[in-house]
Amino acid sequence: MKILKMVLNSKNTIFFDKRFDCFFATAIYSQVIGSIINEFCDSIILKTIVIPLFLVAIFSVLYSFYLNNYLEPIRRKIQNVSKGEVVAAIFDNVEFYLITFSLIVYDIKSMFDIIFLFLKG
């Protein structure tokens, strides 16, 4: 309970670095556009666009997670973040990691479906 009060009272704490918003915007836009094309278009030529879009989404998300995990301990040392806020930040990002993981699984499954569609002819 003490950790929850501390987190709710800390308004200046940033749990995820805002410098990586461009990577997430890229991932979200390419994910949405690729999913729409994949689900609603039957053209083989348009389906070829989906694979690079999904790859952009996967690599931009993984790169931003890598950079965030690499720079997170440095940011915590500079801002003198308490251990309770560190635990809250980890649990705050868990749902985000799970959502992103499910989108990556969807992307990989869709890419293999498209590749097998090409192989069938």
PDB file of N, CA and C in Angstrom:
ATOM      1  N   MET A   1       0.824  -1.188   0.000  1.00  0.00           N
ATOM      2  CA  MET A   1       0.000   0.000   0.000  1.00  0.00           C
ATOM      3  C   MET A   1       0.869   1.252   0.000  1.00  0.00           C
ATOM      4  N   LYS A   2       1.982   1.167   0.722  1.00  0.00           N
ATOM      5  CA  LYS A   2       2.883   2.308   0.786  1.00  0.00           C
ATOM      6  C   LYS A   2       3.478   2.605  -0.593  1.00  0.00           C
ATOM      7  N   ILE A   3       3.783   1.544  -1.342  1.00  0.00           N
ATOM      8  CA  ILE A   3       4.333   1.728  -2.686  1.00  0.00           C
ATOM      9  C   ILE A   3       3.300   2.379  -3.594  1.00  0.00           C
ATOM     10  N   LEU A   4       2.050   1.957  -3.478  1.00  0.00           N
ATOM     11  CA  LEU A   4       0.994   2.520  -4.313  1.00  0.00           C
ATOM     12  C   LEU A   4       0.798   4.000  -4.026  1.00  0.00           C
ATOM     13  N   LYS A   5       0.806   4.386  -2.761  1.00  0.00           N
ATOM     14  CA  LYS A   5       0.674   5.805  -2.416  1.00  0.00           C
ATOM     15  C   LYS A   5       1.852   6.606  -2.948  1.00  0.00           C
ATOM     16  N   MET A   6       3.047   6.022  -2.859  1.00  0.00           N
ATOM     17  CA  MET A   6       4.227   6.712  -3.341  1.00  0.00           C
ATOM     18  C   MET A   6       4.150   6.925  -4.851  1.00  0.00           C
ATOM     19  N   VAL A   7       3.664   5.933  -5.561  1.00  0.00           N
ATOM     20  CA  VAL A   7       3.558   6.048  -7.016  1.00  0.00           C
ATOM     21  C   VAL A   7       2.493   7.061  -7.405  1.00  0.00           C
ATOM     22  N   LEU A   8       1.368   7.042  -6.703  1.00  0.00           N
ATOM     23  CA  LEU A   8       0.297   7.980  -7.028  1.00  0.00           C
ATOM     24  C   LEU A   8       0.683   9.416  -6.710  1.00  0.00           C
ATOM     25  N   ASN A   9       1.525   9.614  -5.726  1.00  0.00           N
ATOM     26  CA  ASN A   9       1.942  10.964  -5.355  1.00  0.00           C
ATOM     27  C   ASN A   9       3.091  11.476  -6.204  1.00  0.00           C
ATOM     28  N   SER A  10       3.810  10.618  -6.891  1.00  0.00           N
ATOM     29  CA  SER A  10       4.952  11.058  -7.690  1.00  0.00           C
ATOM     30  C   SER A  10       4.477  11.385  -9.096  1.00  0.00           C
ATOM     31  N   LYS A  11       4.388  12.663  -9.390  1.00  0.00           N
ATOM     32  CA  LYS A  11       3.899  13.101 -10.701  1.00  0.00           C
ATOM     33  C   LYS A  11       5.036  13.361 -11.673  1.00  0.00           C
ATOM     34  N   ASN A  12       6.250  13.533 -11.176  1.00  0.00           N
ATOM     35  CA  ASN A  12       7.369  13.847 -12.050  1.00  0.00           C
ATOM     36  C   ASN A  12       8.109  12.612 -12.536  1.00  0.00           C
ATOM     37  N   THR A  13       7.742  11.457 -12.049  1.00  0.00           N
ATOM     38  CA  THR A  13       8.439  10.238 -12.430  1.00  0.00           C
ATOM     39  C   THR A  13       7.950   9.766 -13.795  1.00  0.00           C
ATOM     40  N   ILE A  14       8.890   9.503 -14.675  1.00  0.00           N
ATOM     41  CA  ILE A  14       8.580   8.977 -15.999  1.00  0.00           C
ATOM     42  C   ILE A  14       9.005   7.520 -15.999  1.00  0.00           C
ATOM     43  N   PHE A  15       8.047   6.623 -16.200  1.00  0.00           N
ATOM     44  CA  PHE A  15       8.368   5.209 -16.154  1.00  0.00           C
ATOM     45  C   PHE A  15       8.948   4.712 -17.470  1.00  0.00           C
ATOM     46  N   PHE A  16       8.571   5.325 -18.558  1.00  0.00           N
ATOM     47  CA  PHE A  16       9.097   4.916 -19.853  1.00  0.00           C
ATOM     48  C   PHE A  16       9.622   6.156 -20.534  1.00  0.00           C
ATOM     49  N   ASP A  17      10.817   6.093 -21.047  1.00  0.00           N
ATOM     50  CA  ASP A  17      11.482   7.264 -21.583  1.00  0.00           C
ATOM     51  C   ASP A  17      10.740   7.792 -22.808  1.00  0.00           C
ATOM     52  N   LYS A  18      10.472   9.076 -22.814  1.00  0.00           N
ATOM     53  CA  LYS A  18       9.687   9.685 -23.897  1.00  0.00           C
ATOM     54  C   LYS A  18      10.469   9.811 -25.201  1.00  0.00           C
ATOM     55  N   ARG A  19      11.764   9.575 -25.155  1.00  0.00           N
ATOM     56  CA  ARG A  19      12.542   9.645 -26.391  1.00  0.00           C
ATOM     57  C   ARG A  19      12.216   8.511 -27.341  1.00  0.00           C
ATOM     58  N   PHE A  20      11.567   7.479 -26.846  1.00  0.00           N
ATOM     59  CA  PHE A  20      11.271   6.323 -27.677  1.00  0.00           C
ATOM     60  C   PHE A  20       9.859   6.364 -28.244  1.00  0.00           C
ATOM     61  N   ASP A  21       9.160   7.483 -28.086  1.00  0.00           N
ATOM     62  CA  ASP A  21       7.807   7.591 -28.634  1.00  0.00           C
ATOM     63  C   ASP A  21       7.790   7.462 -30.150  1.00  0.00           C
ATOM     64  N   CYS A  22       8.831   7.953 -30.817  1.00  0.00           N
ATOM     65  CA  CYS A  22       8.861   7.853 -32.282  1.00  0.00           C
ATOM     66  C   CYS A  22       8.927   6.388 -32.725  1.00  0.00           C
ATOM     67  N   PHE A  23       9.633   5.554 -31.965  1.00  0.00           N
ATOM     68  CA  PHE A  23       9.691   4.135 -32.316  1.00  0.00           C
ATOM     69  C   PHE A  23       8.336   3.472 -32.128  1.00  0.00           C
ATOM     70  N   PHE A  24       7.634   3.832 -31.050  1.00  0.00           N
ATOM     71  CA  PHE A  24       6.325   3.240 -30.822  1.00  0.00           C
ATOM     72  C   PHE A  24       5.300   3.754 -31.823  1.00  0.00           C
ATOM     73  N   ALA A  25       5.404   5.022 -32.200  1.00  0.00           N
ATOM     74  CA  ALA A  25       4.494   5.539 -33.223  1.00  0.00           C
ATOM     75  C   ALA A  25       4.718   4.808 -34.542  1.00  0.00           C
ATOM     76  N   THR A  26       5.972   4.597 -34.895  1.00  0.00           N
ATOM     77  CA  THR A  26       6.283   3.850 -36.110  1.00  0.00           C
ATOM     78  C   THR A  26       5.739   2.430 -36.036  1.00  0.00           C
ATOM     79  N   ALA A  27       5.917   1.791 -34.890  1.00  0.00           N
ATOM     80  CA  ALA A  27       5.439   0.417 -34.729  1.00  0.00           C
ATOM     81  C   ALA A  27       3.922   0.341 -34.808  1.00  0.00           C
ATOM     82  N   ILE A  28       3.245   1.276 -34.169  1.00  0.00           N
ATOM     83  CA  ILE A  28       1.779   1.245 -34.155  1.00  0.00           C
ATOM     84  C   ILE A  28       1.221   1.516 -35.544  1.00  0.00           C
ATOM     85  N   TYR A  29       1.751   2.530 -36.223  1.00  0.00           N
ATOM     86  CA  TYR A  29       1.239   2.841 -37.557  1.00  0.00           C
ATOM     87  C   TYR A  29       1.495   1.701 -38.535  1.00  0.00           C
ATOM     88  N   SER A  30       2.687   1.146 -38.509  1.00  0.00           N
ATOM     89  CA  SER A  30       2.966   0.050 -39.440  1.00  0.00           C
ATOM     90  C   SER A  30       2.157  -1.195 -39.079  1.00  0.00           C
ATOM     91  N   GLN A  31       1.918  -1.410 -37.791  1.00  0.00           N
ATOM     92  CA  GLN A  31       1.088  -2.545 -37.361  1.00  0.00           C
ATOM     93  C   GLN A  31      -0.347  -2.383 -37.846  1.00  0.00           C
ATOM     94  N   VAL A  32      -0.908  -1.201 -37.661  1.00  0.00           N
ATOM     95  CA  VAL A  32      -2.306  -0.968 -38.047  1.00  0.00           C
ATOM     96  C   VAL A  32      -2.473  -1.051 -39.562  1.00  0.00           C
ATOM     97  N   ILE A  33      -1.594  -0.393 -40.295  1.00  0.00           N
ATOM     98  CA  ILE A  33      -1.700  -0.409 -41.759  1.00  0.00           C
ATOM     99  C   ILE A  33      -1.495  -1.830 -42.294  1.00  0.00           C
ATOM    100  N   GLY A  34      -0.496  -2.534 -41.755  1.00  0.00           N
ATOM    101  CA  GLY A  34      -0.254  -3.909 -42.187  1.00  0.00           C
ATOM    102  C   GLY A  34      -1.405  -4.835 -41.864  1.00  0.00           C
ATOM    103  N   SER A  35      -2.007  -4.662 -40.699  1.00  0.00           N
ATOM    104  CA  SER A  35      -3.143  -5.518 -40.324  1.00  0.00           C
ATOM    105  C   SER A  35      -4.355  -5.262 -41.201  1.00  0.00           C
ATOM    106  N   ILE A  36      -4.615  -3.995 -41.513  1.00  0.00           N
ATOM    107  CA  ILE A  36      -5.756  -3.665 -42.379  1.00  0.00           C
ATOM    108  C   ILE A  36      -5.554  -4.255 -43.772  1.00  0.00           C
ATOM    109  N   ILE A  37      -4.354  -4.077 -44.312  1.00  0.00           N
ATOM    110  CA  ILE A  37      -4.081  -4.631 -45.641  1.00  0.00           C
ATOM    111  C   ILE A  37      -4.164  -6.151 -45.615  1.00  0.00           C
ATOM    112  N   ASN A  38      -3.631  -6.757 -44.568  1.00  0.00           N
ATOM    113  CA  ASN A  38      -3.621  -8.219 -44.482  1.00  0.00           C
ATOM    114  C   ASN A  38      -5.026  -8.794 -44.360  1.00  0.00           C
ATOM    115  N   GLU A  39      -5.874  -8.163 -43.599  1.00  0.00           N
ATOM    116  CA  GLU A  39      -7.210  -8.714 -43.345  1.00  0.00           C
ATOM    117  C   GLU A  39      -8.205  -8.433 -44.467  1.00  0.00           C
ATOM    118  N   PHE A  40      -8.102  -7.269 -45.102  1.00  0.00           N
ATOM    119  CA  PHE A  40      -9.173  -6.852 -46.008  1.00  0.00           C
ATOM    120  C   PHE A  40      -8.793  -6.830 -47.480  1.00  0.00           C
ATOM    121  N   CYS A  41      -7.540  -7.073 -47.828  1.00  0.00           N
ATOM    122  CA  CYS A  41      -7.142  -7.062 -49.234  1.00  0.00           C
ATOM    123  C   CYS A  41      -6.812  -8.480 -49.685  1.00  0.00           C
ATOM    124  N   ASP A  42      -7.284  -8.807 -50.869  1.00  0.00           N
ATOM    125  CA  ASP A  42      -7.022 -10.128 -51.425  1.00  0.00           C
ATOM    126  C   ASP A  42      -5.941 -10.106 -52.499  1.00  0.00           C
ATOM    127  N   SER A  43      -5.459  -8.942 -52.834  1.00  0.00           N
ATOM    128  CA  SER A  43      -4.460  -8.821 -53.884  1.00  0.00           C
ATOM    129  C   SER A  43      -3.095  -9.310 -53.385  1.00  0.00           C
ATOM    130  N   ILE A  44      -2.437 -10.094 -54.203  1.00  0.00           N
ATOM    131  CA  ILE A  44      -1.117 -10.622 -53.846  1.00  0.00           C
ATOM    132  C   ILE A  44      -0.095  -9.494 -53.776  1.00  0.00           C
ATOM    133  N   ILE A  45      -0.234  -8.517 -54.660  1.00  0.00           N
ATOM    134  CA  ILE A  45       0.721  -7.408 -54.682  1.00  0.00           C
ATOM    135  C   ILE A  45       0.625  -6.590 -53.397  1.00  0.00           C
ATOM    136  N   LEU A  46      -0.596  -6.345 -52.928  1.00  0.00           N
ATOM    137  CA  LEU A  46      -0.743  -5.613 -51.670  1.00  0.00           C
ATOM    138  C   LEU A  46      -0.280  -6.433 -50.472  1.00  0.00           C
ATOM    139  N   LYS A  47      -0.425  -7.736 -50.563  1.00  0.00           N
ATOM    140  CA  LYS A  47       0.033  -8.587 -49.451  1.00  0.00           C
ATOM    141  C   LYS A  47       1.552  -8.564 -49.319  1.00  0.00           C
ATOM    142  N   THR A  48       2.264  -8.277 -50.425  1.00  0.00           N
ATOM    143  CA  THR A  48       3.722  -8.198 -50.320  1.00  0.00           C
ATOM    144  C   THR A  48       4.168  -6.985 -49.512  1.00  0.00           C
ATOM    145  N   ILE A  49       3.330  -5.971 -49.428  1.00  0.00           N
ATOM    146  CA  ILE A  49       3.652  -4.782 -48.633  1.00  0.00           C
ATOM    147  C   ILE A  49       3.565  -5.087 -47.142  1.00  0.00           C
ATOM    148  N   VAL A  50       2.784  -6.062 -46.776  1.00  0.00           N
ATOM    149  CA  VAL A  50       2.524  -6.355 -45.366  1.00  0.00           C
ATOM    150  C   VAL A  50       3.774  -6.867 -44.655  1.00  0.00           C
ATOM    151  N   ILE A  51       4.566  -7.683 -45.319  1.00  0.00           N
ATOM    152  CA  ILE A  51       5.741  -8.272 -44.664  1.00  0.00           C
ATOM    153  C   ILE A  51       6.737  -7.198 -44.219  1.00  0.00           C
ATOM    154  N   PRO A  52       7.124  -6.230 -45.071  1.00  0.00           N
ATOM    155  CA  PRO A  52       8.020  -5.179 -44.564  1.00  0.00           C
ATOM    156  C   PRO A  52       7.388  -4.308 -43.478  1.00  0.00           C
ATOM    157  N   LEU A  53       6.080  -4.075 -43.571  1.00  0.00           N
ATOM    158  CA  LEU A  53       5.428  -3.289 -42.520  1.00  0.00           C
ATOM    159  C   LEU A  53       5.485  -4.007 -41.177  1.00  0.00           C
ATOM    160  N   PHE A  54       5.241  -5.298 -41.183  1.00  0.00           N
ATOM    161  CA  PHE A  54       5.319  -6.058 -39.935  1.00  0.00           C
ATOM    162  C   PHE A  54       6.755  -6.133 -39.415  1.00  0.00           C
ATOM    163  N   LEU A  55       7.719  -6.235 -40.317  1.00  0.00           N
ATOM    164  CA  LEU A  55       9.114  -6.245 -39.879  1.00  0.00           C
ATOM    165  C   LEU A  55       9.511  -4.914 -39.253  1.00  0.00           C
ATOM    166  N   VAL A  56       9.030  -3.812 -39.821  1.00  0.00           N
ATOM    167  CA  VAL A  56       9.285  -2.493 -39.228  1.00  0.00           C
ATOM    168  C   VAL A  56       8.675  -2.413 -37.838  1.00  0.00           C
ATOM    169  N   ALA A  57       7.463  -2.916 -37.688  1.00  0.00           N
ATOM    170  CA  ALA A  57       6.805  -2.893 -36.380  1.00  0.00           C
ATOM    171  C   ALA A  57       7.579  -3.720 -35.361  1.00  0.00           C
ATOM    172  N   ILE A  58       8.009  -4.894 -35.749  1.00  0.00           N
ATOM    173  CA  ILE A  58       8.735  -5.767 -34.818  1.00  0.00           C
ATOM    174  C   ILE A  58      10.067  -5.150 -34.415  1.00  0.00           C
ATOM    175  N   PHE A  59      10.846  -4.706 -35.388  1.00  0.00           N
ATOM    176  CA  PHE A  59      12.174  -4.195 -35.067  1.00  0.00           C
ATOM    177  C   PHE A  59      12.128  -2.870 -34.318  1.00  0.00           C
ATOM    178  N   SER A  60      11.162  -2.012 -34.606  1.00  0.00           N
ATOM    179  CA  SER A  60      11.094  -0.748 -33.875  1.00  0.00           C
ATOM    180  C   SER A  60      10.697  -0.962 -32.421  1.00  0.00           C
ATOM    181  N   VAL A  61       9.794  -1.891 -32.169  1.00  0.00           N
ATOM    182  CA  VAL A  61       9.417  -2.184 -30.781  1.00  0.00           C
ATOM    183  C   VAL A  61      10.572  -2.832 -30.033  1.00  0.00           C
ATOM    184  N   LEU A  62      11.217  -3.807 -30.645  1.00  0.00           N
ATOM    185  CA  LEU A  62      12.331  -4.475 -29.972  1.00  0.00           C
ATOM    186  C   LEU A  62      13.496  -3.521 -29.726  1.00  0.00           C
ATOM    187  N   TYR A  63      13.751  -2.620 -30.674  1.00  0.00           N
ATOM    188  CA  TYR A  63      14.834  -1.647 -30.501  1.00  0.00           C
ATOM    189  C   TYR A  63      14.522  -0.669 -29.373  1.00  0.00           C
ATOM    190  N   SER A  64      13.290  -0.221 -29.291  1.00  0.00           N
ATOM    191  CA  SER A  64      12.944   0.708 -28.215  1.00  0.00           C
ATOM    192  C   SER A  64      12.977   0.019 -26.856  1.00  0.00           C
ATOM    193  N   PHE A  65      12.548  -1.244 -26.777  1.00  0.00           N
ATOM    194  CA  PHE A  65      12.659  -1.982 -25.512  1.00  0.00           C
ATOM    195  C   PHE A  65      14.121  -2.190 -25.129  1.00  0.00           C
ATOM    196  N   TYR A  66      14.950  -2.484 -26.112  1.00  0.00           N
ATOM    197  CA  TYR A  66      16.375  -2.654 -25.830  1.00  0.00           C
ATOM    198  C   TYR A  66      16.979  -1.359 -25.295  1.00  0.00           C
ATOM    199  N   LEU A  67      16.701  -0.252 -25.967  1.00  0.00           N
ATOM    200  CA  LEU A  67      17.255   1.019 -25.511  1.00  0.00           C
ATOM    201  C   LEU A  67      16.716   1.412 -24.146  1.00  0.00           C
ATOM    202  N   ASN A  68      15.436   1.167 -23.916  1.00  0.00           N
ATOM    203  CA  ASN A  68      14.860   1.520 -22.625  1.00  0.00           C
ATOM    204  C   ASN A  68      15.482   0.688 -21.506  1.00  0.00           C
ATOM    205  N   ASN A  69      15.662  -0.597 -21.723  1.00  0.00           N
ATOM    206  CA  ASN A  69      16.269  -1.443 -20.692  1.00  0.00           C
ATOM    207  C   ASN A  69      17.749  -1.146 -20.506  1.00  0.00           C
ATOM    208  N   TYR A  70      18.404  -0.664 -21.554  1.00  0.00           N
ATOM    209  CA  TYR A  70      19.809  -0.300 -21.452  1.00  0.00           C
ATOM    210  C   TYR A  70      19.980   1.013 -20.693  1.00  0.00           C
ATOM    211  N   LEU A  71      19.099   1.979 -20.955  1.00  0.00           N
ATOM    212  CA  LEU A  71      19.234   3.298 -20.339  1.00  0.00           C
ATOM    213  C   LEU A  71      18.493   3.446 -19.020  1.00  0.00           C
ATOM    214  N   GLU A  72      17.623   2.499 -18.688  1.00  0.00           N
ATOM    215  CA  GLU A  72      16.808   2.623 -17.477  1.00  0.00           C
ATOM    216  C   GLU A  72      17.634   2.672 -16.192  1.00  0.00           C
ATOM    217  N   PRO A  73      18.627   1.798 -15.995  1.00  0.00           N
ATOM    218  CA  PRO A  73      19.419   1.914 -14.762  1.00  0.00           C
ATOM    219  C   PRO A  73      20.172   3.233 -14.654  1.00  0.00           C
ATOM    220  N   ILE A  74      20.619   3.764 -15.775  1.00  0.00           N
ATOM    221  CA  ILE A  74      21.319   5.051 -15.760  1.00  0.00           C
ATOM    222  C   ILE A  74      20.361   6.165 -15.358  1.00  0.00           C
ATOM    223  N   ARG A  75      19.148   6.142 -15.897  1.00  0.00           N
ATOM    224  CA  ARG A  75      18.162   7.171 -15.559  1.00  0.00           C
ATOM    225  C   ARG A  75      17.772   7.088 -14.094  1.00  0.00           C
ATOM    226  N   ARG A  76      17.644   5.883 -13.567  1.00  0.00           N
ATOM    227  CA  ARG A  76      17.269   5.725 -12.158  1.00  0.00           C
ATOM    228  C   ARG A  76      18.346   6.262 -11.232  1.00  0.00           C
ATOM    229  N   LYS A  77      19.621   6.077 -11.613  1.00  0.00           N
ATOM    230  CA  LYS A  77      20.702   6.609 -10.786  1.00  0.00           C
ATOM    231  C   LYS A  77      20.728   8.130 -10.823  1.00  0.00           C
ATOM    232  N   ILE A  78      20.482   8.697 -11.984  1.00  0.00           N
ATOM    233  CA  ILE A  78      20.518  10.156 -12.108  1.00  0.00           C
ATOM    234  C   ILE A  78      19.363  10.802 -11.360  1.00  0.00           C
ATOM    235  N   GLN A  79      18.175  10.236 -11.452  1.00  0.00           N
ATOM    236  CA  GLN A  79      16.991  10.824 -10.820  1.00  0.00           C
ATOM    237  C   GLN A  79      16.811  10.398  -9.368  1.00  0.00           C
ATOM    238  N   ASN A  80      17.671   9.537  -8.846  1.00  0.00           N
ATOM    239  CA  ASN A  80      17.562   9.033  -7.470  1.00  0.00           C
ATOM    240  C   ASN A  80      16.168   8.466  -7.194  1.00  0.00           C
ATOM    241  N   VAL A  81      15.753   7.549  -8.020  1.00  0.00           N
ATOM    242  CA  VAL A  81      14.437   6.932  -7.900  1.00  0.00           C
ATOM    243  C   VAL A  81      14.492   5.888  -6.790  1.00  0.00           C
ATOM    244  N   SER A  82      13.465   5.858  -5.955  1.00  0.00           N
ATOM    245  CA  SER A  82      13.432   4.899  -4.851  1.00  0.00           C
ATOM    246  C   SER A  82      13.105   3.498  -5.363  1.00  0.00           C
ATOM    247  N   LYS A  83      13.339   2.501  -4.512  1.00  0.00           N
ATOM    248  CA  LYS A  83      13.099   1.112  -4.909  1.00  0.00           C
ATOM    249  C   LYS A  83      11.615   0.838  -5.138  1.00  0.00           C
ATOM    250  N   GLY A  84      10.751   1.501  -4.394  1.00  0.00           N
ATOM    251  CA  GLY A  84       9.312   1.323  -4.594  1.00  0.00           C
ATOM    252  C   GLY A  84       8.861   1.805  -5.960  1.00  0.00           C
ATOM    253  N   GLU A  85       9.425   2.916  -6.410  1.00  0.00           N
ATOM    254  CA  GLU A  85       9.072   3.422  -7.737  1.00  0.00           C
ATOM    255  C   GLU A  85       9.636   2.528  -8.833  1.00  0.00           C
ATOM    256  N   VAL A  86      10.786   1.911  -8.576  1.00  0.00           N
ATOM    257  CA  VAL A  86      11.364   0.981  -9.550  1.00  0.00           C
ATOM    258  C   VAL A  86      10.463  -0.241  -9.711  1.00  0.00           C
ATOM    259  N   VAL A  87       9.982  -0.787  -8.594  1.00  0.00           N
ATOM    260  CA  VAL A  87       9.080  -1.943  -8.642  1.00  0.00           C
ATOM    261  C   VAL A  87       7.773  -1.571  -9.336  1.00  0.00           C
ATOM    262  N   ALA A  88       7.258  -0.384  -9.027  1.00  0.00           N
ATOM    263  CA  ALA A  88       6.020   0.063  -9.671  1.00  0.00           C
ATOM    264  C   ALA A  88       6.215   0.248 -11.170  1.00  0.00           C
ATOM    265  N   ALA A  89       7.375   0.736 -11.574  1.00  0.00           N
ATOM    266  CA  ALA A  89       7.648   0.923 -12.999  1.00  0.00           C
ATOM    267  C   ALA A  89       7.725  -0.414 -13.723  1.00  0.00           C
ATOM    268  N   ILE A  90       8.306  -1.405 -13.062  1.00  0.00           N
ATOM    269  CA  ILE A  90       8.399  -2.734 -13.686  1.00  0.00           C
ATOM    270  C   ILE A  90       7.007  -3.328 -13.880  1.00  0.00           C
ATOM    271  N   PHE A  91       6.161  -3.243 -12.854  1.00  0.00           N
ATOM    272  CA  PHE A  91       4.811  -3.793 -12.970  1.00  0.00           C
ATOM    273  C   PHE A  91       3.935  -2.954 -13.891  1.00  0.00           C
ATOM    274  N   ASP A  92       4.245  -1.669 -14.018  1.00  0.00           N
ATOM    275  CA  ASP A  92       3.484  -0.816 -14.919  1.00  0.00           C
ATOM    276  C   ASP A  92       3.758  -1.186 -16.367  1.00  0.00           C
ATOM    277  N   ASN A  93       4.968  -1.601 -16.666  1.00  0.00           N
ATOM    278  CA  ASN A  93       5.337  -1.941 -18.041  1.00  0.00           C
ATOM    279  C   ASN A  93       5.010  -3.376 -18.424  1.00  0.00           C
ATOM    280  N   VAL A  94       4.600  -4.222 -17.468  1.00  0.00           N
ATOM    281  CA  VAL A  94       4.336  -5.632 -17.771  1.00  0.00           C
ATOM    282  C   VAL A  94       3.194  -5.776 -18.770  1.00  0.00           C
ATOM    283  N   GLU A  95       2.109  -5.058 -18.564  1.00  0.00           N
ATOM    284  CA  GLU A  95       0.986  -5.170 -19.501  1.00  0.00           C
ATOM    285  C   GLU A  95       1.369  -4.662 -20.882  1.00  0.00           C
ATOM    286  N   PHE A  96       2.226  -3.651 -20.922  1.00  0.00           N
ATOM    287  CA  PHE A  96       2.687  -3.125 -22.195  1.00  0.00           C
ATOM    288  C   PHE A  96       3.545  -4.162 -22.919  1.00  0.00           C
ATOM    289  N   TYR A  97       4.397  -4.858 -22.172  1.00  0.00           N
ATOM    290  CA  TYR A  97       5.215  -5.912 -22.766  1.00  0.00           C
ATOM    291  C   TYR A  97       4.351  -7.056 -23.285  1.00  0.00           C
ATOM    292  N   LEU A  98       3.317  -7.424 -22.547  1.00  0.00           N
ATOM    293  CA  LEU A  98       2.444  -8.524 -22.975  1.00  0.00           C
ATOM    294  C   LEU A  98       1.667  -8.166 -24.237  1.00  0.00           C
ATOM    295  N   ILE A  99       1.164  -6.944 -24.303  1.00  0.00           N
ATOM    296  CA  ILE A  99       0.448  -6.501 -25.501  1.00  0.00           C
ATOM    297  C   ILE A  99       1.388  -6.501 -26.701  1.00  0.00           C
ATOM    298  N   THR A 100       2.588  -5.974 -26.503  1.00  0.00           N
ATOM    299  CA  THR A 100       3.551  -5.929 -27.591  1.00  0.00           C
ATOM    300  C   THR A 100       3.958  -7.332 -28.024  1.00  0.00           C
ATOM    301  N   PHE A 101       4.132  -8.233 -27.074  1.00  0.00           N
ATOM    302  CA  PHE A 101       4.481  -9.617 -27.406  1.00  0.00           C
ATOM    303  C   PHE A 101       3.382 -10.277 -28.227  1.00  0.00           C
ATOM    304  N   SER A 102       2.126 -10.027 -27.868  1.00  0.00           N
ATOM    305  CA  SER A 102       1.027 -10.621 -28.639  1.00  0.00           C
ATOM    306  C   SER A 102       0.972 -10.048 -30.050  1.00  0.00           C
ATOM    307  N   LEU A 103       1.274  -8.764 -30.214  1.00  0.00           N
ATOM    308  CA  LEU A 103       1.303  -8.179 -31.555  1.00  0.00           C
ATOM    309  C   LEU A 103       2.445  -8.756 -32.386  1.00  0.00           C
ATOM    310  N   ILE A 104       3.578  -8.995 -31.757  1.00  0.00           N
ATOM    311  CA  ILE A 104       4.703  -9.593 -32.476  1.00  0.00           C
ATOM    312  C   ILE A 104       4.358 -11.012 -32.921  1.00  0.00           C
ATOM    313  N   VAL A 105       3.694 -11.766 -32.066  1.00  0.00           N
ATOM    314  CA  VAL A 105       3.271 -13.126 -32.439  1.00  0.00           C
ATOM    315  C   VAL A 105       2.290 -13.071 -33.606  1.00  0.00           C
ATOM    316  N   TYR A 106       1.353 -12.110 -33.571  1.00  0.00           N
ATOM    317  CA  TYR A 106       0.408 -11.950 -34.685  1.00  0.00           C
ATOM    318  C   TYR A 106       1.154 -11.611 -35.972  1.00  0.00           C
ATOM    319  N   ASP A 107       2.144 -10.725 -35.882  1.00  0.00           N
ATOM    320  CA  ASP A 107       2.907 -10.345 -37.071  1.00  0.00           C
ATOM    321  C   ASP A 107       3.635 -11.538 -37.669  1.00  0.00           C
ATOM    322  N   ILE A 108       4.281 -12.312 -36.829  1.00  0.00           N
ATOM    323  CA  ILE A 108       5.038 -13.464 -37.323  1.00  0.00           C
ATOM    324  C   ILE A 108       4.104 -14.501 -37.946  1.00  0.00           C
ATOM    325  N   LYS A 109       2.975 -14.755 -37.302  1.00  0.00           N
ATOM    326  CA  LYS A 109       1.998 -15.701 -37.852  1.00  0.00           C
ATOM    327  C   LYS A 109       1.480 -15.215 -39.203  1.00  0.00           C
ATOM    328  N   SER A 110       1.164 -13.931 -39.299  1.00  0.00           N
ATOM    329  CA  SER A 110       0.659 -13.384 -40.562  1.00  0.00           C
ATOM    330  C   SER A 110       1.711 -13.433 -41.655  1.00  0.00           C
ATOM    331  N   MET A 111       2.964 -13.167 -41.306  1.00  0.00           N
ATOM    332  CA  MET A 111       4.015 -13.229 -42.317  1.00  0.00           C
ATOM    333  C   MET A 111       4.181 -14.646 -42.852  1.00  0.00           C
ATOM    334  N   PHE A 112       4.132 -15.636 -41.967  1.00  0.00           N
ATOM    335  CA  PHE A 112       4.228 -17.014 -42.444  1.00  0.00           C
ATOM    336  C   PHE A 112       3.007 -17.414 -43.267  1.00  0.00           C
ATOM    337  N   ASP A 113       1.833 -16.924 -42.909  1.00  0.00           N
ATOM    338  CA  ASP A 113       0.643 -17.199 -43.723  1.00  0.00           C
ATOM    339  C   ASP A 113       0.792 -16.628 -45.127  1.00  0.00           C
ATOM    340  N   ILE A 114       1.344 -15.421 -45.221  1.00  0.00           N
ATOM    341  CA  ILE A 114       1.536 -14.794 -46.531  1.00  0.00           C
ATOM    342  C   ILE A 114       2.594 -15.555 -47.332  1.00  0.00           C
ATOM    343  N   ILE A 115       3.665 -15.963 -46.671  1.00  0.00           N
ATOM    344  CA  ILE A 115       4.713 -16.725 -47.369  1.00  0.00           C
ATOM    345  C   ILE A 115       4.161 -18.054 -47.883  1.00  0.00           C
ATOM    346  N   PHE A 116       3.370 -18.741 -47.068  1.00  0.00           N
ATOM    347  CA  PHE A 116       2.772 -20.001 -47.519  1.00  0.00           C
ATOM    348  C   PHE A 116       1.745 -19.767 -48.617  1.00  0.00           C
ATOM    349  N   LEU A 117       1.083 -18.619 -48.606  1.00  0.00           N
ATOM    350  CA  LEU A 117       0.163 -18.270 -49.687  1.00  0.00           C
ATOM    351  C   LEU A 117       0.925 -18.112 -51.000  1.00  0.00           C
ATOM    352  N   PHE A 118       2.114 -17.485 -50.931  1.00  0.00           N
ATOM    353  CA  PHE A 118       2.941 -17.346 -52.127  1.00  0.00           C
ATOM    354  C   PHE A 118       3.442 -18.696 -52.618  1.00  0.00           C
ATOM    355  N   LEU A 119       3.792 -19.567 -51.702  1.00  0.00           N
ATOM    356  CA  LEU A 119       4.323 -20.871 -52.099  1.00  0.00           C
ATOM    357  C   LEU A 119       3.260 -21.759 -52.730  1.00  0.00           C
ATOM    358  N   LYS A 120       2.006 -21.584 -52.310  1.00  0.00           N
ATOM    359  CA  LYS A 120       0.921 -22.353 -52.923  1.00  0.00           C
ATOM    360  C   LYS A 120       0.688 -21.925 -54.360  1.00  0.00           C
ATOM    361  N   GLY A 121       0.936 -20.647 -54.608  1.00  0.00           N
ATOM    362  CA  GLY A 121       0.820 -20.179 -55.980  1.00  0.00           C
ATOM    363  C   GLY A 121      -0.456 -19.547 -56.216  1.00  0.00           C
TER     364      GLY A 121
END
